[in-house]
Amino acid sequence: MADTIYWIWLAECLGPGSRHLHYLLDRYSSPYEIFRADSEEIDRLELGSRVINALSKKDMRNAYAINDHCVAHNIGILTYDSEFYPSKLRLIADPPAVLYYIGELPNMNDNLSIGVVGTRTMSEYGKASAYKIAYELASAGVTVVSGMALGVDGVASCAAIMGGGKTVAVLGSGVDVVYPKEHRTLYDRIIKNGAVISEYPPTTGVRDNHFPVRNRIISGMTSGTLIVECDVISGAMITARRAIEQGKDIFALPGNLDNKNSNGTNMLIHDGAQMVLETSDILKAYEFYYGKSINYLGFSMSRGHSDLDEYALSEMKISAKGNALSFGKKKEKPQNTEDDENVLRPRNIPKNKSVKEMPSTLKKKNKKLKDEEIFVPEVPKKSTEEELASLSNEERAILAAMPDDRAVSVDELSSTGLECQNIMSSLAMLEIEGIVSSLPGGLYIKN
C-alpha cells in the first residue's frame, strides 16, 4: 500500500495530462524519493509553479482519501511501475502516473490492442462498419479500446463484447461515474468483458476539457487507432493527432465525399493513414509482431456472423447523438432454449491461452456459458458427403492435408506433391465453395 499511496500523491501533484512524469523519474528512483526531497531541491527542478508548490507541500490527505475510497468500492489502482501497466502507454510523452479501473484488465502487453473511435452522429454505413470491424477484431483476440461515447465508440464496444472478445473503455470521468448516462447498460457489460479505466480519481465528474486529455490514453495504450467516421474538427481527429504524435499507426475508413462525417477520415487517408476496407487490413499490419497471439481461427469463424446486430445494440441501449439514426429499433429476440434468459450471449469462439493472469476487481469470475446457452445463427451448409462429391482429386488431396485445428501456408501444402499453381487454384475453388477460408499472411484454414 505504501508505494501506491505515493504514486497517487504524485499523480495528484502533477494532474491529468502532465508531461513532467518522465522528467521526475529520470531524476528520482520512485515517488517516495520525490516525496522525501526537500523544498530547496524541489525549487531547483524545471517544473511549473503549480507543480512545485504541490510537491513541496507534502500533503498526503487526498492520496489517502482516494486510496480508501478505492478499497471500499472495489476499484483497482494500476501504478506506472506495475507489471500490468500498459507498456505502450509508458512510452508516450505524458503517461498517467496512475490508472484506476473496474473490471478485469485484458493482457495488453502481450496481445494486440486497437483503438476504435469516431463521431457521435454517424451514418448507418459507419454504424455497420464499426460493428463489423470491432466484432472481427475481438474474435481475433484483439482488445478493442474506445471511449464509451455515443455513436461509434458505443457500437465498437458492443460489437467487441458480442464477438466474444475483450474491450476497454477509457473514461473522461472517474471510473464510477457513468457518462453518457444512456450507456449505463453498456458500462456494466464492459466491466464483465474487460474494464473501464481512467486517470481521473473516482467520483470525478465530467468536464469538456477532460475528453481531449483522455484521448491520448486511447491512442497511447494501443498499437494503432481506427477512425471510423468523423468531421475534420472532432474529438476523433484529436485522438488521431495524438496517435500521430506518439508514432502510432492510423487506420481510417473511406467514406462518401458528400458526407461531412467522412471529411476527417478521407483527409487522414490523403495524408498517409492506412485505408481500411476490411478487418484483415488491420491484422496484416501486425502479423510480424503479434502473429502468435492473433486468433486466426476465431477471426475466420467470426466473418459469417459479424453483420450489424440491431438486437444487441438495442439490448445494450447503445445511443447516438441526434435523431437521424435508427438506434433503438429493436429486432425480435433470438430463440435459444426453452428456459432462455433475457440476456445477450456473446459468441463462443476458440481462445488463445492467456500469457499471464491479469488483475481484476471482479469478485467472481464470469460463469462459463454452456454451449446450449450461446446463440449462433444457423448457416446452411452442405453435408460432408455432398462437399466431397463435388471436389476434384487435387481439392480432396489439399483438404486431407489440412489439419482441423490450425491454419496452414501454401508451402506446407506442397507435401501433397502438387505444383504451387495447382495448390493456389484449388484453394481458391475451396474458398468459393465455403470449405476453407483465407487468412492474413497467406494462411488457409478449414471452415
Protein backbone atom coordinates (compact mmCIF):
# COMPACT_ATOMS: atom_id res chain seq x y z
CA MET A 1 0.00 0.00 0.00
CA ALA A 2 2.84 2.42 0.84
CA ASP A 3 4.17 2.62 -2.72
CA THR A 4 0.65 3.01 -4.10
CA ILE A 5 -0.06 5.95 -1.78
CA TYR A 6 2.99 7.82 -3.05
CA TRP A 7 2.06 7.15 -6.66
CA ILE A 8 -1.43 8.57 -6.02
CA TRP A 9 0.15 11.56 -4.27
CA LEU A 10 2.44 12.17 -7.25
CA ALA A 11 -0.45 11.81 -9.72
CA GLU A 12 -2.45 14.40 -7.79
CA CYS A 13 0.50 16.79 -7.68
CA LEU A 14 1.09 16.53 -11.43
CA GLY A 15 -2.54 16.49 -12.55
CA PRO A 16 -4.04 14.68 -15.60
CA GLY A 17 -2.14 15.04 -18.87
CA SER A 18 1.10 16.21 -17.24
CA ARG A 19 4.33 15.93 -19.23
CA HIS A 20 6.53 16.04 -16.12
CA LEU A 21 6.42 12.37 -15.07
CA HIS A 22 9.36 11.19 -17.20
CA TYR A 23 11.37 14.23 -16.15
CA LEU A 24 10.92 13.40 -12.46
CA LEU A 25 11.51 9.67 -12.82
CA ASP A 26 14.75 10.37 -14.67
CA ARG A 27 15.96 12.15 -11.52
CA TYR A 28 14.36 10.11 -8.75
CA SER A 29 14.02 6.36 -8.38
CA SER A 30 10.44 6.44 -7.09
CA PRO A 31 7.60 8.73 -5.97
CA TYR A 32 8.75 8.15 -2.38
CA GLU A 33 12.14 9.64 -3.23
CA ILE A 34 10.38 12.64 -4.75
CA PHE A 35 8.31 12.96 -1.57
CA ARG A 36 11.49 12.92 0.54
CA ALA A 37 13.15 15.71 -1.46
CA ASP A 38 13.28 18.99 0.48
CA SER A 39 11.71 22.22 -0.74
CA GLU A 40 15.00 23.74 -1.87
CA GLU A 41 15.71 20.72 -4.05
CA ILE A 42 12.17 20.80 -5.49
CA ASP A 43 12.51 24.52 -6.27
CA ARG A 44 15.54 23.80 -8.47
CA LEU A 45 13.54 21.44 -10.70
CA GLU A 46 12.39 22.68 -14.11
CA LEU A 47 8.69 22.48 -13.35
CA GLY A 48 5.78 24.90 -13.32
CA SER A 49 5.00 26.83 -10.15
CA ARG A 50 1.77 24.91 -9.50
CA VAL A 51 3.53 21.52 -9.58
CA ILE A 52 6.44 22.78 -7.47
CA ASN A 53 4.04 24.10 -4.82
CA ALA A 54 2.12 20.82 -4.79
CA LEU A 55 5.29 18.72 -4.45
CA SER A 56 6.63 20.95 -1.70
CA LYS A 57 3.52 20.80 0.48
CA LYS A 58 3.86 17.05 1.12
CA ASP A 59 0.09 16.88 1.73
CA MET A 60 -0.96 13.21 1.70
CA ARG A 61 -4.56 13.62 2.85
CA ASN A 62 -6.09 13.50 -0.62
CA ALA A 63 -3.99 10.46 -1.60
CA TYR A 64 -5.16 8.53 1.47
CA ALA A 65 -8.77 9.54 0.82
CA ILE A 66 -8.58 8.30 -2.78
CA ASN A 67 -6.95 5.02 -1.76
CA ASP A 68 -9.52 4.42 0.99
CA HIS A 69 -12.36 5.10 -1.44
CA CYS A 70 -10.92 2.63 -3.97
CA VAL A 71 -10.56 -0.08 -1.30
CA ALA A 72 -14.10 0.49 -0.03
CA HIS A 73 -15.65 0.43 -3.51
CA ASN A 74 -13.54 -2.33 -5.10
CA ILE A 75 -11.77 -0.05 -7.57
CA GLY A 76 -8.40 -1.20 -8.87
CA ILE A 77 -5.30 1.02 -8.84
CA LEU A 78 -2.66 0.49 -11.52
CA THR A 79 0.55 2.42 -10.94
CA TYR A 80 3.14 3.36 -13.55
CA ASP A 81 5.63 0.81 -12.19
CA SER A 82 3.19 -2.12 -12.21
CA GLU A 83 3.96 -5.06 -14.49
CA PHE A 84 0.36 -4.84 -15.68
CA TYR A 85 0.53 -1.16 -16.67
CA PRO A 86 0.18 -0.98 -20.48
CA SER A 87 3.77 -0.93 -21.69
CA LYS A 88 2.95 1.12 -24.78
CA LEU A 89 1.42 3.82 -22.60
CA ARG A 90 4.69 4.22 -20.67
CA LEU A 91 6.41 5.35 -23.87
CA ILE A 92 4.26 8.40 -24.63
CA ALA A 93 5.39 11.87 -23.57
CA ASP A 94 2.62 12.30 -21.00
CA PRO A 95 1.71 8.92 -19.44
CA PRO A 96 -0.60 8.82 -16.40
CA ALA A 97 1.17 8.10 -13.11
CA VAL A 98 -1.88 6.12 -12.01
CA LEU A 99 -4.80 4.42 -13.75
CA TYR A 100 -7.97 3.50 -11.86
CA TYR A 101 -10.05 0.63 -13.19
CA ILE A 102 -13.12 -1.52 -12.61
CA GLY A 103 -13.36 -4.95 -14.21
CA GLU A 104 -10.71 -7.33 -15.48
CA LEU A 105 -7.83 -5.81 -17.40
CA PRO A 106 -7.05 -7.60 -20.68
CA ASN A 107 -3.44 -8.52 -21.34
CA MET A 108 -2.45 -5.56 -23.50
CA ASN A 109 1.29 -6.10 -23.18
CA ASP A 110 1.42 -9.46 -24.96
CA ASN A 111 -1.62 -9.15 -27.22
CA LEU A 112 -2.62 -6.71 -29.94
CA SER A 113 -4.89 -3.80 -28.97
CA ILE A 114 -6.57 -1.36 -31.37
CA GLY A 115 -8.42 1.87 -30.63
CA VAL A 116 -11.75 2.32 -32.43
CA VAL A 117 -13.23 5.82 -32.32
CA GLY A 118 -15.45 8.09 -34.36
CA THR A 119 -18.28 10.54 -34.49
CA ARG A 120 -21.29 10.62 -32.16
CA THR A 121 -23.58 11.33 -35.17
CA MET A 122 -22.53 8.54 -37.50
CA SER A 123 -24.30 7.24 -40.57
CA GLU A 124 -25.81 3.78 -40.98
CA TYR A 125 -22.73 2.91 -43.05
CA GLY A 126 -20.47 3.98 -40.21
CA LYS A 127 -22.52 2.08 -37.66
CA ALA A 128 -22.46 -1.16 -39.65
CA SER A 129 -18.74 -0.81 -40.42
CA ALA A 130 -17.78 -0.08 -36.81
CA TYR A 131 -19.76 -3.09 -35.62
CA LYS A 132 -18.32 -5.50 -38.20
CA ILE A 133 -14.68 -4.50 -37.76
CA ALA A 134 -14.78 -4.36 -33.95
CA TYR A 135 -16.59 -7.72 -33.81
CA GLU A 136 -14.00 -9.40 -36.02
CA LEU A 137 -11.06 -7.80 -34.22
CA ALA A 138 -12.37 -9.05 -30.88
CA SER A 139 -12.93 -12.53 -32.31
CA ALA A 140 -9.28 -12.49 -33.41
CA GLY A 141 -8.18 -11.88 -29.82
CA VAL A 142 -7.57 -8.15 -30.29
CA THR A 143 -8.51 -5.86 -27.40
CA VAL A 144 -10.82 -3.12 -28.67
CA VAL A 145 -10.23 0.19 -26.87
CA SER A 146 -12.67 3.08 -27.08
CA GLY A 147 -14.18 5.92 -25.08
CA MET A 148 -17.74 4.62 -24.46
CA ALA A 149 -19.10 7.77 -26.12
CA LEU A 150 -22.32 7.96 -28.09
CA GLY A 151 -22.10 6.71 -31.66
CA VAL A 152 -19.04 4.83 -32.96
CA ASP A 153 -17.45 4.22 -29.54
CA GLY A 154 -20.52 2.55 -28.09
CA VAL A 155 -21.11 0.42 -31.18
CA ALA A 156 -17.47 -0.75 -31.17
CA SER A 157 -17.62 -1.80 -27.50
CA CYS A 158 -20.93 -3.63 -28.02
CA ALA A 159 -19.53 -5.46 -31.06
CA ALA A 160 -16.36 -6.48 -29.22
CA ILE A 161 -18.46 -7.99 -26.44
CA MET A 162 -20.72 -9.84 -28.86
CA GLY A 163 -17.64 -11.05 -30.75
CA GLY A 164 -16.55 -12.91 -27.63
CA GLY A 165 -13.53 -10.69 -27.00
CA LYS A 166 -12.31 -8.05 -24.56
CA THR A 167 -12.87 -4.33 -24.62
CA VAL A 168 -11.56 -1.39 -22.60
CA ALA A 169 -13.33 1.95 -22.21
CA VAL A 170 -11.20 4.95 -21.28
CA LEU A 171 -13.40 7.45 -19.46
CA GLY A 172 -13.18 11.22 -19.16
CA SER A 173 -14.51 10.98 -15.60
CA GLY A 174 -13.92 8.78 -12.58
CA VAL A 175 -14.43 5.09 -13.28
CA ASP A 176 -17.50 5.09 -11.04
CA VAL A 177 -19.17 7.94 -12.96
CA VAL A 178 -21.16 6.67 -15.95
CA TYR A 179 -21.09 9.05 -18.91
CA PRO A 180 -23.02 9.27 -21.09
CA LYS A 181 -25.85 8.13 -18.84
CA GLU A 182 -27.51 6.38 -21.79
CA HIS A 183 -24.68 3.84 -21.75
CA ARG A 184 -25.23 2.51 -18.23
CA THR A 185 -26.07 -0.96 -19.55
CA LEU A 186 -23.05 -0.93 -21.84
CA TYR A 187 -20.86 0.20 -18.92
CA ASP A 188 -21.97 -2.83 -16.90
CA ARG A 189 -21.29 -5.20 -19.81
CA ILE A 190 -17.83 -3.73 -20.44
CA ILE A 191 -16.89 -4.38 -16.81
CA LYS A 192 -17.86 -8.05 -17.24
CA ASN A 193 -15.95 -8.35 -20.54
CA GLY A 194 -12.96 -6.13 -19.93
CA ALA A 195 -12.55 -2.95 -17.93
CA VAL A 196 -13.35 0.75 -17.64
CA ILE A 197 -10.26 2.82 -16.81
CA SER A 198 -9.42 6.46 -16.11
CA GLU A 199 -6.60 8.62 -14.80
CA TYR A 200 -9.19 10.77 -13.03
CA PRO A 201 -9.77 9.74 -9.40
CA PRO A 202 -13.08 8.05 -8.54
CA THR A 203 -16.15 10.35 -8.21
CA THR A 204 -14.57 12.90 -10.59
CA GLY A 205 -17.36 14.40 -12.67
CA VAL A 206 -17.45 15.12 -16.40
CA ARG A 207 -15.99 18.28 -17.91
CA ASP A 208 -15.50 19.12 -21.58
CA ASN A 209 -11.74 19.56 -21.19
CA HIS A 210 -11.37 16.03 -19.79
CA PHE A 211 -12.02 14.35 -23.14
CA PRO A 212 -9.12 15.74 -25.20
CA VAL A 213 -6.83 14.78 -22.29
CA ARG A 214 -8.41 11.31 -22.14
CA ASN A 215 -7.95 10.71 -25.87
CA ARG A 216 -4.15 10.43 -25.59
CA ILE A 217 -4.64 7.31 -23.43
CA ILE A 218 -6.81 5.59 -26.07
CA SER A 219 -4.11 6.05 -28.70
CA GLY A 220 -1.24 5.65 -26.25
CA MET A 221 -2.18 2.23 -24.88
CA THR A 222 -2.88 0.71 -28.32
CA SER A 223 -0.74 -0.25 -31.30
CA GLY A 224 -2.96 1.63 -33.72
CA THR A 225 -6.21 3.56 -33.91
CA LEU A 226 -9.06 3.10 -36.38
CA ILE A 227 -11.06 6.23 -37.17
CA VAL A 228 -14.44 5.08 -38.50
CA GLU A 229 -16.21 8.36 -39.29
CA CYS A 230 -15.55 11.95 -38.22
CA ASP A 231 -15.51 15.53 -39.38
CA VAL A 232 -12.26 17.46 -39.72
CA ILE A 233 -12.89 19.19 -36.38
CA SER A 234 -13.87 16.49 -33.86
CA GLY A 235 -12.75 14.51 -30.84
CA ALA A 236 -11.79 11.58 -33.07
CA MET A 237 -9.41 13.83 -35.00
CA ILE A 238 -7.83 14.89 -31.71
CA THR A 239 -7.24 11.19 -30.98
CA ALA A 240 -5.75 10.77 -34.46
CA ARG A 241 -3.40 13.72 -33.95
CA ARG A 242 -2.27 12.38 -30.58
CA ALA A 243 -1.64 8.98 -32.17
CA ILE A 244 0.47 10.60 -34.86
CA GLU A 245 2.46 12.48 -32.20
CA GLN A 246 3.01 9.18 -30.39
CA GLY A 247 4.24 7.46 -33.54
CA LYS A 248 1.28 5.10 -33.65
CA ASP A 249 -0.45 3.64 -36.70
CA ILE A 250 -3.57 5.37 -38.02
CA PHE A 251 -6.26 3.47 -39.90
CA ALA A 252 -9.25 5.17 -41.49
CA LEU A 253 -12.46 4.10 -43.18
CA PRO A 254 -13.06 5.82 -46.54
CA GLY A 255 -16.43 7.47 -47.00
CA ASN A 256 -18.74 9.42 -49.24
CA LEU A 257 -17.32 12.77 -50.33
CA ASP A 258 -20.72 14.41 -49.74
CA ASN A 259 -20.91 13.26 -46.11
CA LYS A 260 -19.21 15.60 -43.63
CA ASN A 261 -18.63 12.60 -41.34
CA SER A 262 -16.18 11.33 -43.95
CA ASN A 263 -14.25 14.58 -44.31
CA GLY A 264 -11.91 13.69 -41.46
CA THR A 265 -11.25 10.08 -42.44
CA ASN A 266 -10.78 10.91 -46.13
CA MET A 267 -8.30 13.65 -45.17
CA LEU A 268 -6.39 11.21 -42.96
CA ILE A 269 -6.14 8.72 -45.83
CA HIS A 270 -5.00 11.51 -48.15
CA ASP A 271 -2.30 12.43 -45.64
CA GLY A 272 -0.99 8.87 -45.27
CA ALA A 273 -3.30 6.92 -42.95
CA GLN A 274 -3.84 3.30 -43.96
CA MET A 275 -7.19 2.83 -45.68
CA VAL A 276 -9.28 0.01 -44.21
CA LEU A 277 -11.64 -1.91 -46.45
CA GLU A 278 -11.87 -4.99 -44.24
CA THR A 279 -10.63 -6.17 -40.85
CA SER A 280 -7.75 -8.14 -42.31
CA ASP A 281 -6.19 -4.85 -43.46
CA ILE A 282 -5.54 -4.11 -39.78
CA LEU A 283 -4.45 -7.63 -38.82
CA LYS A 284 -1.96 -7.81 -41.68
CA ALA A 285 -0.15 -4.76 -40.31
CA TYR A 286 0.72 -6.65 -37.12
CA GLU A 287 1.48 -10.19 -38.30
CA PHE A 288 5.19 -9.80 -37.63
CA TYR A 289 4.80 -8.57 -34.05
CA TYR A 290 1.61 -10.34 -32.92
CA GLY A 291 1.24 -13.28 -35.31
CA LYS A 292 1.35 -15.82 -32.47
CA SER A 293 -1.30 -14.06 -30.37
CA ILE A 294 -3.75 -13.26 -33.17
CA ASN A 295 -6.53 -15.83 -33.09
CA TYR A 296 -6.88 -16.55 -36.81
CA LEU A 297 -9.32 -19.40 -36.22
CA GLY A 298 -11.59 -17.16 -34.18
CA PHE A 299 -11.32 -14.47 -36.86
CA SER A 300 -12.22 -16.92 -39.60
CA MET A 301 -15.23 -18.20 -37.68
CA SER A 302 -16.46 -14.67 -36.98
CA ARG A 303 -16.74 -13.47 -40.54
CA GLY A 304 -20.07 -15.18 -41.15
CA HIS A 305 -21.62 -13.63 -38.04
CA SER A 306 -20.27 -10.09 -37.88
CA ASP A 307 -23.10 -8.23 -39.62
CA LEU A 308 -24.75 -5.45 -37.66
CA ASP A 309 -26.89 -6.81 -34.80
CA GLU A 310 -29.63 -4.30 -34.06
CA TYR A 311 -30.93 -6.53 -31.26
CA ALA A 312 -27.60 -6.37 -29.43
CA LEU A 313 -27.40 -2.59 -29.85
CA SER A 314 -30.93 -2.23 -28.55
CA GLU A 315 -30.44 -4.51 -25.52
CA MET A 316 -27.24 -2.68 -24.52
CA LYS A 317 -29.04 0.64 -25.13
CA ILE A 318 -26.36 1.92 -27.49
CA SER A 319 -27.13 5.51 -28.44
CA ALA A 320 -26.04 8.11 -30.95
CA LYS A 321 -26.28 11.88 -30.83
CA GLY A 322 -29.25 13.25 -32.74
CA ASN A 323 -32.31 11.51 -34.12
CA ALA A 324 -31.16 10.73 -37.64
CA LEU A 325 -30.27 7.10 -36.98
CA SER A 326 -32.36 4.03 -36.31
CA PHE A 327 -30.95 3.35 -32.86
CA GLY A 328 -33.44 1.71 -30.58
CA LYS A 329 -35.04 -0.19 -33.46
CA LYS A 330 -35.32 -3.48 -31.62
CA LYS A 331 -35.22 -6.76 -33.50
CA GLU A 332 -37.05 -9.83 -32.29
CA LYS A 333 -35.09 -11.69 -29.67
CA PRO A 334 -33.28 -14.83 -30.95
CA GLN A 335 -34.66 -18.10 -29.61
CA ASN A 336 -32.01 -20.17 -27.84
CA THR A 337 -33.64 -22.60 -25.40
CA GLU A 338 -36.99 -23.08 -23.68
CA ASP A 339 -35.58 -21.57 -20.47
CA ASP A 340 -33.71 -18.80 -22.24
CA GLU A 341 -32.99 -15.80 -20.03
CA ASN A 342 -33.31 -12.24 -21.29
CA VAL A 343 -29.53 -11.92 -21.56
CA LEU A 344 -27.30 -11.36 -24.58
CA ARG A 345 -24.89 -14.20 -25.23
CA PRO A 346 -21.55 -13.42 -26.85
CA ARG A 347 -20.24 -15.87 -29.43
CA ASN A 348 -18.27 -18.81 -28.14
CA ILE A 349 -15.01 -18.76 -30.07
CA PRO A 350 -11.80 -20.78 -29.64
CA LYS A 351 -9.46 -18.80 -27.37
CA ASN A 352 -5.72 -18.41 -27.33
CA LYS A 353 -4.28 -19.21 -23.89
CA SER A 354 -3.61 -16.07 -21.84
CA VAL A 355 0.07 -15.46 -21.25
CA LYS A 356 -0.43 -14.32 -17.65
CA GLU A 357 -3.18 -13.71 -15.15
CA MET A 358 -4.34 -10.10 -15.24
CA PRO A 359 -5.64 -8.06 -12.28
CA SER A 360 -9.38 -7.93 -11.75
CA THR A 361 -11.78 -6.10 -9.46
CA LEU A 362 -14.47 -8.70 -10.11
CA LYS A 363 -15.20 -10.74 -7.00
CA LYS A 364 -16.21 -13.77 -9.07
CA LYS A 365 -15.17 -14.89 -12.48
CA ASN A 366 -17.95 -14.85 -15.04
CA LYS A 367 -19.87 -18.10 -15.19
CA LYS A 368 -18.76 -20.12 -18.16
CA LEU A 369 -21.61 -20.33 -20.61
CA LYS A 370 -22.94 -23.71 -21.60
CA ASP A 371 -22.97 -24.48 -25.29
CA GLU A 372 -26.75 -24.55 -25.37
CA GLU A 373 -26.91 -21.03 -23.92
CA ILE A 374 -24.98 -19.48 -26.79
CA PHE A 375 -26.92 -18.24 -29.78
CA VAL A 376 -25.15 -18.91 -33.06
CA PRO A 377 -27.13 -18.17 -36.23
CA GLU A 378 -27.62 -21.26 -38.35
CA VAL A 379 -25.81 -21.13 -41.66
CA PRO A 380 -26.98 -23.54 -44.38
CA LYS A 381 -24.11 -25.86 -45.17
CA LYS A 382 -23.61 -28.82 -47.44
CA SER A 383 -23.07 -32.18 -45.84
CA THR A 384 -19.57 -33.67 -45.90
CA GLU A 385 -20.65 -36.23 -48.50
CA GLU A 386 -22.03 -33.56 -50.81
CA GLU A 387 -18.88 -31.48 -50.44
CA LEU A 388 -16.53 -34.35 -51.25
CA ALA A 389 -18.57 -35.49 -54.20
CA SER A 390 -18.18 -32.12 -55.89
CA LEU A 391 -14.41 -31.84 -55.33
CA SER A 392 -11.63 -32.62 -57.76
CA ASN A 393 -8.86 -35.05 -56.82
CA GLU A 394 -6.48 -32.12 -56.21
CA GLU A 395 -9.00 -30.37 -53.93
CA ARG A 396 -9.56 -33.56 -51.95
CA ALA A 397 -5.81 -34.03 -51.51
CA ILE A 398 -5.40 -30.49 -50.24
CA LEU A 399 -8.35 -30.81 -47.87
CA ALA A 400 -6.95 -34.07 -46.48
CA ALA A 401 -3.58 -32.39 -45.87
CA MET A 402 -5.11 -29.52 -43.90
CA PRO A 403 -5.35 -30.01 -40.11
CA ASP A 404 -8.67 -29.29 -38.41
CA ASP A 405 -7.35 -27.04 -35.64
CA ARG A 406 -4.92 -24.59 -37.25
CA ALA A 407 -4.14 -22.59 -40.36
CA VAL A 408 -1.52 -23.69 -42.89
CA SER A 409 0.54 -21.98 -45.57
CA VAL A 410 0.80 -22.91 -49.23
CA ASP A 411 4.34 -24.17 -48.58
CA GLU A 412 3.03 -26.67 -46.02
CA LEU A 413 0.55 -27.99 -48.59
CA SER A 414 3.38 -28.76 -51.02
CA SER A 415 3.57 -32.11 -49.21
CA THR A 416 0.65 -33.14 -51.44
CA GLY A 417 3.08 -33.23 -54.37
CA LEU A 418 1.03 -30.70 -56.32
CA GLU A 419 2.52 -27.73 -58.13
CA CYS A 420 2.18 -24.38 -56.36
CA GLN A 421 -0.08 -23.05 -59.12
CA ASN A 422 -2.42 -26.06 -58.74
CA ILE A 423 -2.47 -25.63 -54.95
CA MET A 424 -3.42 -21.96 -55.26
CA SER A 425 -6.18 -22.57 -57.81
CA SER A 426 -7.58 -25.47 -55.76
CA LEU A 427 -7.57 -23.35 -52.59
CA ALA A 428 -9.43 -20.62 -54.47
CA MET A 429 -12.12 -23.12 -55.50
CA LEU A 430 -12.37 -24.49 -51.96
CA GLU A 431 -12.79 -20.95 -50.66
CA ILE A 432 -15.54 -20.23 -53.18
CA GLU A 433 -17.32 -23.38 -52.00
CA GLY A 434 -17.06 -22.14 -48.42
CA ILE A 435 -14.97 -25.14 -47.33
CA VAL A 436 -11.83 -23.17 -46.43
CA SER A 437 -11.10 -19.54 -45.62
CA SER A 438 -8.07 -17.41 -46.44
CA LEU A 439 -6.42 -15.54 -43.59
CA PRO A 440 -3.85 -12.74 -43.40
CA GLY A 441 -0.27 -13.85 -44.07
CA GLY A 442 -1.16 -16.26 -46.89
CA LEU A 443 -2.68 -18.81 -44.49
CA TYR A 444 -5.70 -21.03 -45.07
CA ILE A 445 -7.96 -22.80 -42.60
CA LYS A 446 -10.83 -25.25 -42.74
CA ASN A 447 -14.27 -23.80 -42.01
